Amino acid sequence: MKLITEDRFREITKKFSELRPIAVLGDVGIDKYTLGEVSRISPEAPVPVVHVQREWEKLGLAANIGHNLKSLGIESTLCGVIGEDIRAPRFESLLEETNLKTWGIVRDPSRPTIFKERITTSTQQVCRIDYEDNLPINKNVEGILIQRVSDFLDDHSGLILEDYAKGTLTENLIKTCIKMAKEKKKLVCVDPGTSTSPLFYKGADLLKPNLKEARLMVESLGYTYDKKSLDEMAAILVDKLELEKIVITLGPEGMALLDRSGSGSLEIIPTVAQEVYDVSGAGDTTISLLTAGLLAGGTLSEAAWIGNCGAGVVVAKKGTATVNMEELTIFYKKLIDSYA
């Protein structure tokens, strides 16, 4: 295990603001947080009564990747589907408030705008309420999204596919967009969905599953995952899906990396989170920084260390969070000091 040097950290992150925009395609929506206190049980049913103290809304799902990139000084164009409902204008206003473009957003009156409300106290989540339709988008909307991505790719540096398995990323959409991006020699990074066939992602440059997703993928490819080591699982996925690189996130155990163009052997880097308050959104931060790090000329290991630091920042925050350059740099410097 070799920590990224201070010179390389500075050299790579300095290039973030110089990168051409990154296209982000996937499920999009709003995350609402309702914070309150519980002091009694309802007389109507055996459930807690939450006295609301504060409410706030944030960009959720793939839109959080756009927000993360913006916080890091990187421009992006978000492509996704919202409804024609009361929450659609709110989603677009959240994009505008964050200075993100709305050009890639398609409205579909047959679907709701994805909306997730988390009811929490200062110590725990009480419940989550989801408004969504997980059925695949129709062919017309799919065609519009393909055209939008095609239009954007020429002046964008890469493509992130963020699959929350909410119906946006159909087989044809994924395969067509990967093919278009590869033909234009653009970097393609994928954060996969748990219920999507891994074969849909074939040919991507980077795949970032968590350990559970990696096991399900290996199993769906016809292998018995419980008899496979991390090395074997990574090698199977890289080979069968024709990937260049894979990063398997391991939660508190860190990350496992395999780069076909590098050493070709698995590398494990530990987690660097110093305080864990809320893990929601950490994966969005990781894929954002992995992609940016590679586009800025970093190796997979260097990009992973930077992504690891970013995740360490956001898990210490409440709710779906982002990281900016100042926070990222401060966290890295503390890490360097602790290793020294």
C-alpha atoms as a PDB file:
ATOM      1  CA  MET A   1       0.000   0.000   0.000  1.00  0.00           C
ATOM      2  CA  LYS A   2       1.465   3.333  -1.085  1.00  0.00           C
ATOM      3  CA  LEU A   3      -0.226   6.631  -0.246  1.00  0.00           C
ATOM      4  CA  ILE A   4      -0.447   9.224  -3.047  1.00  0.00           C
ATOM      5  CA  THR A   5       2.360  11.763  -2.661  1.00  0.00           C
ATOM      6  CA  GLU A   6       1.645  15.384  -1.829  1.00  0.00           C
ATOM      7  CA  ASP A   7       3.109  16.543  -5.144  1.00  0.00           C
ATOM      8  CA  ARG A   8       0.886  14.194  -7.145  1.00  0.00           C
ATOM      9  CA  PHE A   9      -2.200  15.051  -5.095  1.00  0.00           C
ATOM     10  CA  ARG A  10      -1.618  18.737  -5.770  1.00  0.00           C
ATOM     11  CA  GLU A  11      -0.724  18.186  -9.438  1.00  0.00           C
ATOM     12  CA  ILE A  12      -3.835  16.094 -10.180  1.00  0.00           C
ATOM     13  CA  THR A  13      -6.389  18.132  -8.233  1.00  0.00           C
ATOM     14  CA  LYS A  14      -5.025  21.390  -9.693  1.00  0.00           C
ATOM     15  CA  LYS A  15      -6.084  20.137 -13.129  1.00  0.00           C
ATOM     16  CA  PHE A  16      -9.718  19.597 -12.090  1.00  0.00           C
ATOM     17  CA  SER A  17     -10.753  23.152 -12.996  1.00  0.00           C
ATOM     18  CA  GLU A  18      -9.112  22.760 -16.425  1.00  0.00           C
ATOM     19  CA  LEU A  19     -11.045  19.618 -17.402  1.00  0.00           C
ATOM     20  CA  ARG A  20     -13.648  19.775 -20.110  1.00  0.00           C
ATOM     21  CA  PRO A  21     -17.183  19.039 -18.834  1.00  0.00           C
ATOM     22  CA  ILE A  22     -18.153  15.495 -17.868  1.00  0.00           C
ATOM     23  CA  ALA A  23     -21.498  14.066 -19.039  1.00  0.00           C
ATOM     24  CA  VAL A  24     -23.480  12.313 -16.295  1.00  0.00           C
ATOM     25  CA  LEU A  25     -26.298   9.950 -17.296  1.00  0.00           C
ATOM     26  CA  GLY A  26     -28.590   8.150 -14.875  1.00  0.00           C
ATOM     27  CA  ASP A  27     -31.552   8.222 -12.522  1.00  0.00           C
ATOM     28  CA  VAL A  28     -32.117  11.663 -11.023  1.00  0.00           C
ATOM     29  CA  GLY A  29     -34.312  12.991  -8.240  1.00  0.00           C
ATOM     30  CA  ILE A  30     -34.689  14.964  -5.037  1.00  0.00           C
ATOM     31  CA  ASP A  31     -33.576  13.950  -1.558  1.00  0.00           C
ATOM     32  CA  LYS A  32     -35.602  15.575   1.217  1.00  0.00           C
ATOM     33  CA  TYR A  33     -34.510  15.444   4.856  1.00  0.00           C
ATOM     34  CA  THR A  34     -36.920  16.028   7.739  1.00  0.00           C
ATOM     35  CA  LEU A  35     -35.158  16.359  11.064  1.00  0.00           C
ATOM     36  CA  GLY A  36     -37.018  16.255  14.365  1.00  0.00           C
ATOM     37  CA  GLU A  37     -37.285  14.866  17.881  1.00  0.00           C
ATOM     38  CA  VAL A  38     -39.220  11.883  19.180  1.00  0.00           C
ATOM     39  CA  SER A  39     -40.656  12.242  22.668  1.00  0.00           C
ATOM     40  CA  ARG A  40     -43.684   9.941  22.585  1.00  0.00           C
ATOM     41  CA  ILE A  41     -45.448   7.123  20.741  1.00  0.00           C
ATOM     42  CA  SER A  42     -48.571   7.917  18.748  1.00  0.00           C
ATOM     43  CA  PRO A  43     -51.899   7.026  20.445  1.00  0.00           C
ATOM     44  CA  GLU A  44     -53.211   6.020  16.985  1.00  0.00           C
ATOM     45  CA  ALA A  45     -50.616   3.324  16.250  1.00  0.00           C
ATOM     46  CA  PRO A  46     -47.358   2.002  17.788  1.00  0.00           C
ATOM     47  CA  VAL A  47     -45.191   4.461  15.868  1.00  0.00           C
ATOM     48  CA  PRO A  48     -43.043   7.410  17.025  1.00  0.00           C
ATOM     49  CA  VAL A  49     -44.357  10.959  16.736  1.00  0.00           C
ATOM     50  CA  VAL A  50     -41.691  13.190  15.159  1.00  0.00           C
ATOM     51  CA  HIS A  51     -41.806  16.874  16.072  1.00  0.00           C
ATOM     52  CA  VAL A  52     -40.230  18.521  13.023  1.00  0.00           C
ATOM     53  CA  GLN A  53     -37.426  21.014  13.660  1.00  0.00           C
ATOM     54  CA  ARG A  54     -35.918  21.414  10.201  1.00  0.00           C
ATOM     55  CA  GLU A  55     -36.502  20.388   6.570  1.00  0.00           C
ATOM     56  CA  TRP A  56     -34.241  20.687   3.537  1.00  0.00           C
ATOM     57  CA  GLU A  57     -33.978  19.347  -0.013  1.00  0.00           C
ATOM     58  CA  LYS A  58     -30.929  18.372  -2.047  1.00  0.00           C
ATOM     59  CA  LEU A  59     -30.174  16.964  -5.486  1.00  0.00           C
ATOM     60  CA  GLY A  60     -30.239  13.177  -5.282  1.00  0.00           C
ATOM     61  CA  LEU A  61     -29.104  10.072  -7.180  1.00  0.00           C
ATOM     62  CA  ALA A  62     -27.066  10.922 -10.313  1.00  0.00           C
ATOM     63  CA  ALA A  63     -27.807  14.627  -9.804  1.00  0.00           C
ATOM     64  CA  ASN A  64     -25.625  14.436  -6.688  1.00  0.00           C
ATOM     65  CA  ILE A  65     -22.694  13.513  -8.940  1.00  0.00           C
ATOM     66  CA  GLY A  66     -23.215  16.727 -10.907  1.00  0.00           C
ATOM     67  CA  HIS A  67     -23.339  18.613  -7.602  1.00  0.00           C
ATOM     68  CA  ASN A  68     -20.128  16.913  -6.411  1.00  0.00           C
ATOM     69  CA  LEU A  69     -18.323  17.766  -9.637  1.00  0.00           C
ATOM     70  CA  LYS A  70     -19.484  21.380  -9.427  1.00  0.00           C
ATOM     71  CA  SER A  71     -18.249  21.619  -5.820  1.00  0.00           C
ATOM     72  CA  LEU A  72     -14.833  20.475  -7.062  1.00  0.00           C
ATOM     73  CA  GLY A  73     -14.767  23.128  -9.788  1.00  0.00           C
ATOM     74  CA  ILE A  74     -15.592  20.680 -12.601  1.00  0.00           C
ATOM     75  CA  GLU A  75     -18.344  21.441 -15.097  1.00  0.00           C
ATOM     76  CA  SER A  76     -20.806  18.701 -16.061  1.00  0.00           C
ATOM     77  CA  THR A  77     -23.988  18.099 -18.014  1.00  0.00           C
ATOM     78  CA  LEU A  78     -26.632  15.963 -16.340  1.00  0.00           C
ATOM     79  CA  CYS A  79     -28.871  13.699 -18.455  1.00  0.00           C
ATOM     80  CA  GLY A  80     -31.896  12.069 -16.846  1.00  0.00           C
ATOM     81  CA  VAL A  81     -35.682  11.875 -16.665  1.00  0.00           C
ATOM     82  CA  ILE A  82     -38.169  13.715 -14.461  1.00  0.00           C
ATOM     83  CA  GLY A  83     -41.960  13.869 -14.536  1.00  0.00           C
ATOM     84  CA  GLU A  84     -44.481  16.598 -15.359  1.00  0.00           C
ATOM     85  CA  ASP A  85     -45.518  16.829 -11.721  1.00  0.00           C
ATOM     86  CA  ILE A  86     -45.262  19.371  -8.920  1.00  0.00           C
ATOM     87  CA  ARG A  87     -41.726  18.240  -8.052  1.00  0.00           C
ATOM     88  CA  ALA A  88     -40.303  18.663 -11.566  1.00  0.00           C
ATOM     89  CA  PRO A  89     -39.948  22.478 -11.344  1.00  0.00           C
ATOM     90  CA  ARG A  90     -38.404  22.089  -7.889  1.00  0.00           C
ATOM     91  CA  PHE A  91     -35.814  19.680  -9.278  1.00  0.00           C
ATOM     92  CA  GLU A  92     -34.931  22.101 -12.067  1.00  0.00           C
ATOM     93  CA  SER A  93     -34.693  24.990  -9.604  1.00  0.00           C
ATOM     94  CA  LEU A  94     -32.298  22.932  -7.442  1.00  0.00           C
ATOM     95  CA  LEU A  95     -30.135  22.444 -10.536  1.00  0.00           C
ATOM     96  CA  GLU A  96     -30.182  26.172 -11.241  1.00  0.00           C
ATOM     97  CA  GLU A  97     -29.415  27.029  -7.605  1.00  0.00           C
ATOM     98  CA  THR A  98     -26.351  24.786  -7.869  1.00  0.00           C
ATOM     99  CA  ASN A  99     -25.409  26.341 -11.249  1.00  0.00           C
ATOM    100  CA  LEU A 100     -25.950  23.049 -13.072  1.00  0.00           C
ATOM    101  CA  LYS A 101     -27.312  22.887 -16.617  1.00  0.00           C
ATOM    102  CA  THR A 102     -30.844  21.636 -17.300  1.00  0.00           C
ATOM    103  CA  TRP A 103     -30.209  20.922 -21.002  1.00  0.00           C
ATOM    104  CA  GLY A 104     -29.972  17.152 -20.586  1.00  0.00           C
ATOM    105  CA  ILE A 105     -33.127  16.714 -18.495  1.00  0.00           C
ATOM    106  CA  VAL A 106     -36.095  15.091 -20.264  1.00  0.00           C
ATOM    107  CA  ARG A 107     -39.648  15.362 -18.943  1.00  0.00           C
ATOM    108  CA  ASP A 108     -41.912  12.319 -19.141  1.00  0.00           C
ATOM    109  CA  PRO A 109     -45.547  12.853 -18.053  1.00  0.00           C
ATOM    110  CA  SER A 110     -46.013   9.114 -17.513  1.00  0.00           C
ATOM    111  CA  ARG A 111     -43.432   9.003 -14.678  1.00  0.00           C
ATOM    112  CA  PRO A 112     -43.132  10.756 -11.317  1.00  0.00           C
ATOM    113  CA  THR A 113     -40.098  12.838 -10.448  1.00  0.00           C
ATOM    114  CA  ILE A 114     -38.137  10.605  -8.076  1.00  0.00           C
ATOM    115  CA  PHE A 115     -38.465  11.955  -4.543  1.00  0.00           C
ATOM    116  CA  LYS A 116     -37.064  10.401  -1.375  1.00  0.00           C
ATOM    117  CA  GLU A 117     -37.887  11.762   2.060  1.00  0.00           C
ATOM    118  CA  ARG A 118     -35.863  10.641   5.064  1.00  0.00           C
ATOM    119  CA  ILE A 119     -37.392  11.240   8.489  1.00  0.00           C
ATOM    120  CA  THR A 120     -34.570  11.439  11.019  1.00  0.00           C
ATOM    121  CA  THR A 121     -33.754  12.391  14.575  1.00  0.00           C
ATOM    122  CA  SER A 122     -30.337  13.591  15.700  1.00  0.00           C
ATOM    123  CA  THR A 123     -29.303   9.987  16.285  1.00  0.00           C
ATOM    124  CA  GLN A 124     -31.150   7.772  13.779  1.00  0.00           C
ATOM    125  CA  GLN A 125     -33.359   7.491  10.729  1.00  0.00           C
ATOM    126  CA  VAL A 126     -37.003   6.814  11.603  1.00  0.00           C
ATOM    127  CA  CYS A 127     -38.204   5.955   8.107  1.00  0.00           C
ATOM    128  CA  ARG A 128     -37.774   6.739   4.408  1.00  0.00           C
ATOM    129  CA  ILE A 129     -40.616   7.507   1.980  1.00  0.00           C
ATOM    130  CA  ASP A 130     -39.976   6.889  -1.740  1.00  0.00           C
ATOM    131  CA  TYR A 131     -41.958   8.275  -4.669  1.00  0.00           C
ATOM    132  CA  GLU A 132     -40.762   6.554  -7.845  1.00  0.00           C
ATOM    133  CA  ASP A 133     -41.582   4.309 -10.791  1.00  0.00           C
ATOM    134  CA  ASN A 134     -38.930   1.658 -11.466  1.00  0.00           C
ATOM    135  CA  LEU A 135     -40.333   0.536 -14.822  1.00  0.00           C
ATOM    136  CA  PRO A 136     -38.031   1.126 -17.825  1.00  0.00           C
ATOM    137  CA  ILE A 137     -38.447   4.425 -19.671  1.00  0.00           C
ATOM    138  CA  ASN A 138     -40.309   4.215 -22.979  1.00  0.00           C
ATOM    139  CA  LYS A 139     -38.585   4.080 -26.384  1.00  0.00           C
ATOM    140  CA  ASN A 140     -39.363   7.708 -27.187  1.00  0.00           C
ATOM    141  CA  VAL A 141     -37.712   9.042 -24.011  1.00  0.00           C
ATOM    142  CA  GLU A 142     -34.836   6.597 -24.508  1.00  0.00           C
ATOM    143  CA  GLY A 143     -34.267   7.967 -28.013  1.00  0.00           C
ATOM    144  CA  ILE A 144     -34.266  11.569 -26.780  1.00  0.00           C
ATOM    145  CA  LEU A 145     -31.679  10.728 -24.095  1.00  0.00           C
ATOM    146  CA  ILE A 146     -29.437   8.966 -26.624  1.00  0.00           C
ATOM    147  CA  GLN A 147     -29.576  12.032 -28.867  1.00  0.00           C
ATOM    148  CA  ARG A 148     -28.784  14.354 -25.936  1.00  0.00           C
ATOM    149  CA  VAL A 149     -25.755  12.261 -24.918  1.00  0.00           C
ATOM    150  CA  SER A 150     -24.578  12.111 -28.538  1.00  0.00           C
ATOM    151  CA  ASP A 151     -24.826  15.898 -28.811  1.00  0.00           C
ATOM    152  CA  PHE A 152     -22.880  16.458 -25.593  1.00  0.00           C
ATOM    153  CA  LEU A 153     -20.052  13.947 -26.058  1.00  0.00           C
ATOM    154  CA  ASP A 154     -18.076  15.920 -28.643  1.00  0.00           C
ATOM    155  CA  ASP A 155     -17.106  18.696 -26.232  1.00  0.00           C
ATOM    156  CA  HIS A 156     -17.122  16.618 -23.028  1.00  0.00           C
ATOM    157  CA  SER A 157     -14.125  14.746 -21.621  1.00  0.00           C
ATOM    158  CA  GLY A 158     -15.912  11.681 -20.312  1.00  0.00           C
ATOM    159  CA  LEU A 159     -19.181   9.955 -19.420  1.00  0.00           C
ATOM    160  CA  ILE A 160     -20.353   8.718 -16.025  1.00  0.00           C
ATOM    161  CA  LEU A 161     -23.210   6.194 -15.967  1.00  0.00           C
ATOM    162  CA  GLU A 162     -24.892   6.229 -12.557  1.00  0.00           C
ATOM    163  CA  ASP A 163     -27.341   3.331 -12.303  1.00  0.00           C
ATOM    164  CA  TYR A 164     -29.709   3.271  -9.341  1.00  0.00           C
ATOM    165  CA  ALA A 165     -31.938   0.767 -11.193  1.00  0.00           C
ATOM    166  CA  LYS A 166     -34.895   3.196 -11.240  1.00  0.00           C
ATOM    167  CA  GLY A 167     -35.710   2.624 -14.916  1.00  0.00           C
ATOM    168  CA  THR A 168     -33.664   5.259 -16.710  1.00  0.00           C
ATOM    169  CA  LEU A 169     -30.703   3.140 -17.787  1.00  0.00           C
ATOM    170  CA  THR A 170     -32.197   0.578 -20.153  1.00  0.00           C
ATOM    171  CA  GLU A 171     -30.089  -2.061 -21.900  1.00  0.00           C
ATOM    172  CA  ASN A 172     -30.185  -0.187 -25.211  1.00  0.00           C
ATOM    173  CA  LEU A 173     -29.415   3.178 -23.610  1.00  0.00           C
ATOM    174  CA  ILE A 174     -26.401   1.836 -21.702  1.00  0.00           C
ATOM    175  CA  LYS A 175     -24.942  -0.119 -24.617  1.00  0.00           C
ATOM    176  CA  THR A 176     -25.526   2.665 -27.147  1.00  0.00           C
ATOM    177  CA  CYS A 177     -23.992   5.368 -24.955  1.00  0.00           C
ATOM    178  CA  ILE A 178     -20.931   3.260 -24.100  1.00  0.00           C
ATOM    179  CA  LYS A 179     -20.446   2.529 -27.804  1.00  0.00           C
ATOM    180  CA  MET A 180     -20.806   6.213 -28.775  1.00  0.00           C
ATOM    181  CA  ALA A 181     -18.412   7.345 -26.065  1.00  0.00           C
ATOM    182  CA  LYS A 182     -15.790   4.734 -26.957  1.00  0.00           C
ATOM    183  CA  GLU A 183     -15.977   5.675 -30.643  1.00  0.00           C
ATOM    184  CA  LYS A 184     -15.251   9.270 -29.637  1.00  0.00           C
ATOM    185  CA  LYS A 185     -12.420   8.063 -27.350  1.00  0.00           C
ATOM    186  CA  LYS A 186     -14.105   9.369 -24.196  1.00  0.00           C
ATOM    187  CA  LEU A 187     -13.529   7.874 -20.749  1.00  0.00           C
ATOM    188  CA  VAL A 188     -16.550   5.832 -19.576  1.00  0.00           C
ATOM    189  CA  CYS A 189     -16.975   5.192 -15.839  1.00  0.00           C
ATOM    190  CA  VAL A 190     -19.886   3.171 -14.461  1.00  0.00           C
ATOM    191  CA  ASP A 191     -21.430   3.003 -10.997  1.00  0.00           C
ATOM    192  CA  PRO A 192     -23.611  -0.096 -11.510  1.00  0.00           C
ATOM    193  CA  GLY A 193     -27.108  -1.004 -10.369  1.00  0.00           C
ATOM    194  CA  THR A 194     -27.801  -4.112  -8.296  1.00  0.00           C
ATOM    195  CA  SER A 195     -30.510  -5.474 -10.617  1.00  0.00           C
ATOM    196  CA  THR A 196     -28.925  -4.588 -13.970  1.00  0.00           C
ATOM    197  CA  SER A 197     -27.194  -7.293 -16.006  1.00  0.00           C
ATOM    198  CA  PRO A 198     -23.428  -6.697 -15.817  1.00  0.00           C
ATOM    199  CA  LEU A 199     -23.193  -7.529 -19.528  1.00  0.00           C
ATOM    200  CA  PHE A 200     -24.939  -4.208 -20.260  1.00  0.00           C
ATOM    201  CA  TYR A 201     -21.775  -2.434 -19.045  1.00  0.00           C
ATOM    202  CA  LYS A 202     -19.449  -4.390 -21.343  1.00  0.00           C
ATOM    203  CA  GLY A 203     -16.658  -2.260 -22.773  1.00  0.00           C
ATOM    204  CA  ALA A 204     -16.662   0.491 -20.130  1.00  0.00           C
ATOM    205  CA  ASP A 205     -13.277   1.833 -19.017  1.00  0.00           C
ATOM    206  CA  LEU A 206     -14.003   1.692 -15.282  1.00  0.00           C
ATOM    207  CA  LEU A 207     -16.584  -0.184 -13.216  1.00  0.00           C
ATOM    208  CA  LYS A 208     -17.136   0.716  -9.544  1.00  0.00           C
ATOM    209  CA  PRO A 209     -19.337  -1.871  -7.808  1.00  0.00           C
ATOM    210  CA  ASN A 210     -19.485  -2.348  -4.074  1.00  0.00           C
ATOM    211  CA  LEU A 211     -18.676  -5.816  -2.719  1.00  0.00           C
ATOM    212  CA  LYS A 212     -22.308  -6.979  -2.754  1.00  0.00           C
ATOM    213  CA  GLU A 213     -22.769  -5.797  -6.340  1.00  0.00           C
ATOM    214  CA  ALA A 214     -19.513  -7.463  -7.427  1.00  0.00           C
ATOM    215  CA  ARG A 215     -20.632 -10.768  -5.931  1.00  0.00           C
ATOM    216  CA  LEU A 216     -24.026 -10.575  -7.645  1.00  0.00           C
ATOM    217  CA  MET A 217     -22.328  -9.764 -10.956  1.00  0.00           C
ATOM    218  CA  VAL A 218     -19.919 -12.673 -10.715  1.00  0.00           C
ATOM    219  CA  GLU A 219     -22.800 -14.991  -9.843  1.00  0.00           C
ATOM    220  CA  SER A 220     -24.915 -13.737 -12.772  1.00  0.00           C
ATOM    221  CA  LEU A 221     -21.987 -14.494 -15.084  1.00  0.00           C
ATOM    222  CA  GLY A 222     -22.205 -18.146 -14.031  1.00  0.00           C
ATOM    223  CA  TYR A 223     -19.616 -18.308 -11.239  1.00  0.00           C
ATOM    224  CA  THR A 224     -20.072 -19.294  -7.600  1.00  0.00           C
ATOM    225  CA  TYR A 225     -18.981 -16.111  -5.857  1.00  0.00           C
ATOM    226  CA  ASP A 226     -18.617 -17.574  -2.352  1.00  0.00           C
ATOM    227  CA  LYS A 227     -15.669 -19.628  -3.567  1.00  0.00           C
ATOM    228  CA  LYS A 228     -13.977 -16.682  -5.237  1.00  0.00           C
ATOM    229  CA  SER A 229     -11.429 -14.382  -3.653  1.00  0.00           C
ATOM    230  CA  LEU A 230     -11.428 -10.642  -4.324  1.00  0.00           C
ATOM    231  CA  ASP A 231      -8.596 -11.172  -6.816  1.00  0.00           C
ATOM    232  CA  GLU A 232     -10.618 -13.767  -8.701  1.00  0.00           C
ATOM    233  CA  MET A 233     -13.820 -11.719  -8.703  1.00  0.00           C
ATOM    234  CA  ALA A 234     -12.043  -8.629 -10.010  1.00  0.00           C
ATOM    235  CA  ALA A 235     -10.242 -10.664 -12.689  1.00  0.00           C
ATOM    236  CA  ILE A 236     -13.498 -12.308 -13.813  1.00  0.00           C
ATOM    237  CA  LEU A 237     -15.325  -8.976 -14.136  1.00  0.00           C
ATOM    238  CA  VAL A 238     -12.451  -7.275 -15.966  1.00  0.00           C
ATOM    239  CA  ASP A 239     -12.159 -10.207 -18.383  1.00  0.00           C
ATOM    240  CA  LYS A 240     -15.824 -11.008 -19.061  1.00  0.00           C
ATOM    241  CA  LEU A 241     -16.960  -7.373 -19.253  1.00  0.00           C
ATOM    242  CA  GLU A 242     -13.885  -6.244 -21.230  1.00  0.00           C
ATOM    243  CA  LEU A 243     -13.062  -3.526 -18.714  1.00  0.00           C
ATOM    244  CA  GLU A 244      -9.851  -1.555 -18.440  1.00  0.00           C
ATOM    245  CA  LYS A 245     -10.147  -0.955 -14.693  1.00  0.00           C
ATOM    246  CA  ILE A 246     -12.292  -1.965 -11.734  1.00  0.00           C
ATOM    247  CA  VAL A 247     -12.660  -0.533  -8.238  1.00  0.00           C
ATOM    248  CA  ILE A 248     -14.597  -2.647  -5.729  1.00  0.00           C
ATOM    249  CA  THR A 249     -15.557  -0.560  -2.700  1.00  0.00           C
ATOM    250  CA  LEU A 250     -15.389  -2.523   0.544  1.00  0.00           C
ATOM    251  CA  GLY A 251     -17.013  -0.139   3.042  1.00  0.00           C
ATOM    252  CA  PRO A 252     -14.925   0.017   6.225  1.00  0.00           C
ATOM    253  CA  GLU A 253     -12.329  -2.269   4.592  1.00  0.00           C
ATOM    254  CA  GLY A 254     -11.402   0.275   1.899  1.00  0.00           C
ATOM    255  CA  MET A 255     -11.164  -0.399  -1.845  1.00  0.00           C
ATOM    256  CA  ALA A 256      -9.857  -3.165  -4.104  1.00  0.00           C
ATOM    257  CA  LEU A 257      -8.340  -1.988  -7.414  1.00  0.00           C
ATOM    258  CA  LEU A 258      -7.367  -3.808 -10.581  1.00  0.00           C
ATOM    259  CA  ASP A 259      -5.952  -2.015 -13.615  1.00  0.00           C
ATOM    260  CA  ARG A 260      -5.410  -4.047 -16.777  1.00  0.00           C
ATOM    261  CA  SER A 261      -3.013  -1.394 -18.121  1.00  0.00           C
ATOM    262  CA  GLY A 262      -1.140  -1.160 -14.813  1.00  0.00           C
ATOM    263  CA  SER A 263       0.414  -3.942 -12.762  1.00  0.00           C
ATOM    264  CA  GLY A 264      -2.471  -6.291 -13.525  1.00  0.00           C
ATOM    265  CA  SER A 265      -2.598  -7.397  -9.888  1.00  0.00           C
ATOM    266  CA  LEU A 266      -5.115  -6.492  -7.216  1.00  0.00           C
ATOM    267  CA  GLU A 267      -4.264  -3.625  -4.870  1.00  0.00           C
ATOM    268  CA  ILE A 268      -6.067  -2.925  -1.594  1.00  0.00           C
ATOM    269  CA  ILE A 269      -6.165   0.560  -0.115  1.00  0.00           C
ATOM    270  CA  PRO A 270      -7.686   1.078   3.350  1.00  0.00           C
ATOM    271  CA  THR A 271     -10.538   3.384   4.222  1.00  0.00           C
ATOM    272  CA  VAL A 272      -9.418   6.746   5.563  1.00  0.00           C
ATOM    273  CA  ALA A 273     -12.722   7.919   7.066  1.00  0.00           C
ATOM    274  CA  GLN A 274     -12.087   9.265  10.546  1.00  0.00           C
ATOM    275  CA  GLU A 275     -15.729   9.777  11.523  1.00  0.00           C
ATOM    276  CA  VAL A 276     -18.783   8.128   9.980  1.00  0.00           C
ATOM    277  CA  TYR A 277     -22.101   9.898  10.423  1.00  0.00           C
ATOM    278  CA  ASP A 278     -23.987   9.124   7.198  1.00  0.00           C
ATOM    279  CA  VAL A 279     -22.787   7.016   4.240  1.00  0.00           C
ATOM    280  CA  SER A 280     -25.496   8.194   1.820  1.00  0.00           C
ATOM    281  CA  GLY A 281     -23.901   9.861  -1.188  1.00  0.00           C
ATOM    282  CA  ALA A 282     -20.376   8.564  -0.489  1.00  0.00           C
ATOM    283  CA  GLY A 283     -20.498   6.420  -3.638  1.00  0.00           C
ATOM    284  CA  ASP A 284     -21.443   9.477  -5.712  1.00  0.00           C
ATOM    285  CA  THR A 285     -18.422  11.348  -4.373  1.00  0.00           C
ATOM    286  CA  THR A 286     -16.145   8.372  -5.036  1.00  0.00           C
ATOM    287  CA  ILE A 287     -17.167   7.908  -8.699  1.00  0.00           C
ATOM    288  CA  SER A 288     -16.914  11.680  -9.243  1.00  0.00           C
ATOM    289  CA  LEU A 289     -13.342  11.809  -7.940  1.00  0.00           C
ATOM    290  CA  LEU A 290     -12.269   8.555  -9.588  1.00  0.00           C
ATOM    291  CA  THR A 291     -13.391   9.919 -12.956  1.00  0.00           C
ATOM    292  CA  ALA A 292     -11.884  13.363 -12.401  1.00  0.00           C
ATOM    293  CA  GLY A 293      -8.632  11.865 -11.135  1.00  0.00           C
ATOM    294  CA  LEU A 294      -8.220   9.657 -14.208  1.00  0.00           C
ATOM    295  CA  LEU A 295      -9.109  12.492 -16.592  1.00  0.00           C
ATOM    296  CA  ALA A 296      -6.552  14.709 -14.837  1.00  0.00           C
ATOM    297  CA  GLY A 297      -3.807  12.183 -15.588  1.00  0.00           C
ATOM    298  CA  GLY A 298      -3.760  10.155 -12.386  1.00  0.00           C
ATOM    299  CA  THR A 299      -3.195   6.425 -12.188  1.00  0.00           C
ATOM    300  CA  LEU A 300      -6.053   4.293 -10.893  1.00  0.00           C
ATOM    301  CA  SER A 301      -4.344   4.064  -7.499  1.00  0.00           C
ATOM    302  CA  GLU A 302      -3.875   7.849  -7.309  1.00  0.00           C
ATOM    303  CA  ALA A 303      -7.477   8.513  -8.375  1.00  0.00           C
ATOM    304  CA  ALA A 304      -8.693   5.969  -5.812  1.00  0.00           C
ATOM    305  CA  TRP A 305      -6.742   7.629  -2.992  1.00  0.00           C
ATOM    306  CA  ILE A 306      -8.268  10.988  -3.916  1.00  0.00           C
ATOM    307  CA  GLY A 307     -11.730   9.398  -4.078  1.00  0.00           C
ATOM    308  CA  ASN A 308     -11.074   7.752  -0.728  1.00  0.00           C
ATOM    309  CA  CYS A 309     -10.300  11.148   0.830  1.00  0.00           C
ATOM    310  CA  GLY A 310     -13.459  12.667  -0.666  1.00  0.00           C
ATOM    311  CA  ALA A 311     -15.589   9.847   0.722  1.00  0.00           C
ATOM    312  CA  GLY A 312     -13.920  10.379   4.092  1.00  0.00           C
ATOM    313  CA  VAL A 313     -15.157  13.970   4.068  1.00  0.00           C
ATOM    314  CA  VAL A 314     -18.779  13.293   3.089  1.00  0.00           C
ATOM    315  CA  VAL A 315     -19.461  10.380   5.459  1.00  0.00           C
ATOM    316  CA  ALA A 316     -18.824  12.776   8.333  1.00  0.00           C
ATOM    317  CA  LYS A 317     -21.670  15.010   7.099  1.00  0.00           C
ATOM    318  CA  LYS A 318     -25.415  14.640   7.519  1.00  0.00           C
ATOM    319  CA  GLY A 319     -27.433  13.562   4.469  1.00  0.00           C
ATOM    320  CA  THR A 320     -26.462  13.347   0.808  1.00  0.00           C
ATOM    321  CA  ALA A 321     -23.370  15.533   0.839  1.00  0.00           C
ATOM    322  CA  THR A 322     -20.633  16.915  -1.414  1.00  0.00           C
ATOM    323  CA  VAL A 323     -16.969  17.791  -0.968  1.00  0.00           C
ATOM    324  CA  ASN A 324     -15.171  20.902  -2.181  1.00  0.00           C
ATOM    325  CA  MET A 325     -11.471  21.394  -2.942  1.00  0.00           C
ATOM    326  CA  GLU A 326     -10.699  23.070   0.375  1.00  0.00           C
ATOM    327  CA  GLU A 327     -12.265  20.216   2.386  1.00  0.00           C
ATOM    328  CA  LEU A 328     -10.550  17.612   0.203  1.00  0.00           C
ATOM    329  CA  THR A 329      -7.133  19.245   0.633  1.00  0.00           C
ATOM    330  CA  ILE A 330      -7.511  19.683   4.403  1.00  0.00           C
ATOM    331  CA  PHE A 331      -8.545  16.037   4.769  1.00  0.00           C
ATOM    332  CA  TYR A 332      -5.574  14.877   2.694  1.00  0.00           C
ATOM    333  CA  LYS A 333      -3.133  16.967   4.728  1.00  0.00           C
ATOM    334  CA  LYS A 334      -4.486  15.484   7.961  1.00  0.00           C
ATOM    335  CA  LEU A 335      -4.068  12.035   6.416  1.00  0.00           C
ATOM    336  CA  ILE A 336      -0.461  12.770   5.480  1.00  0.00           C
ATOM    337  CA  ASP A 337       0.238  13.961   9.035  1.00  0.00           C
ATOM    338  CA  SER A 338      -1.315  10.843  10.560  1.00  0.00           C
ATOM    339  CA  TYR A 339       0.751   8.571   8.276  1.00  0.00           C
ATOM    340  CA  ALA A 340       3.906  10.537   9.075  1.00  0.00           C
END
